[in-house]
Amino acid sequence: MYNNVKIGHIVATDRNHAIGACNTLPWHIPDDLIHFKNITSEGILIMGRKTFLSIGRALPNRTTYVVTSDATKYNLDGIANLGQVILVDSIEKALEAATKKAKNKNIEQVWVVGGQTIYTATMPYVDIIEMTHVNTIVDNADAFYPQVPESFNLEKSSQMYTDKVSYINYLFSTYIKVD
């Protein structure tokens, strides 16, 4: 919770908590992307610069706060929906601005969507974690999600699904912070 607005993480991890390799998502699971879209659409997101650049575009129907130490250093020309993207130079400024906007729009929750540094720094404020557990190990992983703190309980988990193209197994889980 930050400024009385819930903060959530939405993330997909492998069995070793890997979330990325060489600034890319290490798997392509369409149902996970649909899950992400369903949860975050019409919402407010916070992400780091590398995550934003790896996506390569502004996500439609979302306001996105991108944390970068030097906003003037990056050329965002040619990225669609840039009006929905706000560059900020600290996680604190992102949390402050995003939660203020959420209150103004009567949105109950802000979603943090990566990467590793942003997830780690915002963990103290998180109330909910929407995690896709991808049943694989990424050998060249270089970005990892922190361990889910003991202050979180597993609220629900889906059945195990299998991607029709990659044959990777995955499931969706929701963790809730307990007071």
Foldseek 3Di string as FASTA:
>chain_A
DFPQAAEEEEAEAEPQQFQDFPLEGPDDFPVSVVVVCVVDALEEEEEEPSVVVRVPADDPRYQYEYEDQDPVVDDPPPHPPCVSYHYDHDLVVSSVVRVVVCVVVVNRYYYYYDDQVSQVVCLVRHFKYKYKYWHDDDPRGDTGHDDNDPQKDWPDKDDWDAGPPPRIIIIITMIGGDD
